[in-house]
Amino acid sequence: MSTRGFRVGTNPCRLRLALPGLRWLLGLFLGLHATRSAAFYLPGLAPVNFCEAARETATCKSSIALFVNRLDSEESVLPYEYNTFDFCQDSGKKNPSENLGQVLFGERITSSPYKFSFNKTETCKKVCVKSYDRENEDHKKKLAFLKKGIQLNYQHHWIIDNMPVIWCHVIEDGKYCTPGFPIGCFITKSGIVKDACALHENKSIKWASRWDYILESMPHTNIQWFSIMTSFVIVLFLSGMVAMILLRTLHRDIIRYNQTNFSEEVREDFGWKLVHGDVFRPPRNRMLLSAFLGQGTQVLIMTFITLFLACFGFLSPAHRGALMTCAVVLWVLLGTPAGYVSARMYKTFKGVNWKTNFLLTALLCPGVVFVDLFFMNLILWVEGSSAAISFGTLIGILAMWFGISVPLTFLGAYFGSKKKFKHPVRTNQIPRHIPQQNFFTRPLFGIIIGGILPFGCILIQLFFILNSIWSHQMYFMFGFLFLVFIILLITCSEATVLLCYFHLCAEDYHWCWRAFFTSSFTAVYLFIYAVHYFFAKLQIVGIASSILYFGYTMVMVLIFFLFTGTVGFFSCFWFITKIYSVVKVD
C-alpha cells in the first residue's frame, strides 16, 4: 500500500488565517520581520520530513506512524474507542498525550498495528487473523457488537502526520468525502447495500494544498458566499434603518422636552419623560438578574476571545481539542469579571446581601451545566462510550471550578460591591401607575419579535456548526463566524433598544427583565431549530442518543441565553442612562 494516497503532511499556510483581511495584515507584519526569520509556523504545525529507508537520518524518518481515533456514527451520538471493537491491536501500544478539549469531546487517540514506509508500495499485507467460535459467548458478543457497529455505519478515523484520512466515493451529484471511512459494508439478506462500499483514491495532491483538498472535499462546504454576504448586507441595512429612525425620533423628543414653553399636551404625547422617576426603580428578583448578568459577561468575553484566536488559526482543526480547551480555560480565568459585574449591578439595584449574590453567581449557571453534563456522562458510562469522562477528570474539573473560578468570582464581587452605577435622575418613593397596554406594547409580543432578527443573522452559520458537531464534519470558517458574532451583538443591541424605547413611550418602566429576555429569546429560536435539525437532518436512533443530543443542546441554549440577554440588558441600560441625562427634569 502506498502512502501517497493518504495525503501525508500539514499545511499551516492554509489553516493559519480564516479572513483575507487578517491574512493580509499578518502577512504585512511578517514581511517587516523577514530579515530576522526565514519561515513562520504556528505552534504544532511545522512540517515533518519523510524519506526512503536508504536515506533515513535522525531528522528524516522512513516509517510513518498511523494513529487511530474514536469511532463515531451519524446515526448515534455514542462514540467508542478503537479497542472496544475486536480489531487488530498494536503490540507496542502508544497513547499520545491528550488535552482537556480532546478528553471532553471523547477523543481517544492510540497507535495502530498498521505500518507504513515512505514511498514504498505494499498491497494485501496481512496484519492479523481473527477466529470466532459460535459456541463461545464472548465471541458471540464481539461479533454482535461489530455487526451493530456496521449497521449503524460507524466510521474509522485514521490520523497520519496529524492529518485525517479522507474517504471519498462517487454519488449522483458528484463526489462525497468524509473524514473517516466505514468499519464495514452492510448488505441486507436481499442483497441491498446500505452504504457505499467503493473507495476513491487521489494520488495527485500536492503537499502545499493538502488541507485545501480536505476542506474543499467536505460535504456542504461549497458555501454560497454570495448568499451569506447578501444576508450580511440585509442585516446591516435593517440595523442602519433602525438606528436612523431611533436617533431622529429621539432627537426630536429631546428638543421638545428641553423647550421651556412646551405645553402639557406635548408632554403627554412624548411619554418617556413622564416615567423618569421610576425608570431606574430596582426590578423584581434583582439578585437572580444580577447573577445572570455576571455569568453572561463571563461567557461573552470567553466567546469573543476564543473566536478571535480562532480567526488567526491558533485553534484550527489541526489542533485537536484546542477550541474546547481554550474556552474552558478562559471561562475559569474570567470569574473576576463575572463577580464584579454581578455585584456592581446588585449594588445598583439597591441589594445588600452581596455575599449571597456572589454564591449565586459562582454556582447557579455552572452548577446547572455540571449537573446536565454529569447526567449525560452517566448515560455514556452505562453505554460504555469513549466520550464518558473519567472520575479523575471530573475531580479535576471540580477543582478548577471551586479552586480557581469561585475564588476569582469572589475577588470580583468584593470590589464590585464597593461601587454602583450612578443614575442621572432620582427615583420616586411611590411607583407610578402604568396605563393599560395594548397587544403590541405588552412584554410577550416584544420579546417574541425581538429575537427574530438576531436569529436570522446566525441561521446559516448555525447549520454548519450543527453539522460539525453531530455529522462529524470539520468546521473551519472561523472568520465568517467571528463576523456573524459581531453582527449578532449589534442586532441584539439595536432590537432591544428599539423595543425598550417603544415601551417607555407607552409609560411602561419595567424594562430590566424585558430587555434581558428580548435579546435572549434568540436562544428559544435556536432550540426550536435544533429540534427541527434533529428530526429533519439527522438519522439518530436509540433513546440514549436522543437524550444525549437534547442534553448537550440545552447546554448550548443556556450559554446562548446568558450572553445574548446580557448584551440586550446593558445596551438598554446604556441607552436609558444617556437619554435621561440630556433632558431637563423638574
Foldseek 3Di string as FASTA:
>chain_A
DACLQQLAWAAQVVQQFQDPVVNVVVVVVVVVCCVPDPDDGDPPRDIAAEDAPVPDDPRHHFKWWKKWKWKDFLQFPFIAGPVVAPDQAAPPKDWDDDDPLCLLLLITIMTGQDIGTHPDDDPPDDRDDDDADPVDPVRVVNVVVLVVQQVRQIWIWMAINLDAGKWWDADPVGIAIDSTHGPDWDADPVGDTPDDDDTDTDSPDDSNCSVVVQQVRHPPSPDPVVVLVVLVVVLVVVLVVLVVVVVVVLVVVQVQQFDPPDDPVNCLQQQLVVCLQPLLAQAPPLLLLLLLLLLLVQLVVLVLVLLVSLNSSNPAVSRPSPSVNSSLVSSLQSLLSSLLSSLQSCVSNVHDPLVVSLCCNLCPLVVVLLVLVVVLLVLNVVVNGSSRNDPVVVVVSVCSSVVGNSVSSVVNNVVNNVHYDDFLDHHDPDHDDQDDDDPCLDLVNLLVVLLPSLLSSCVVVLVVVVCCSSVVHGDSNSVVVSVNVVSSLSSLLSSLQSSCSVNSSSVNSNRQVSQLSSQLCNLVVVLVVLVVCCVPPTNHDDPSRVSSSVSVSVSVSSSSSSNSSSSRNVSNVVVVRVSVNSGDDD
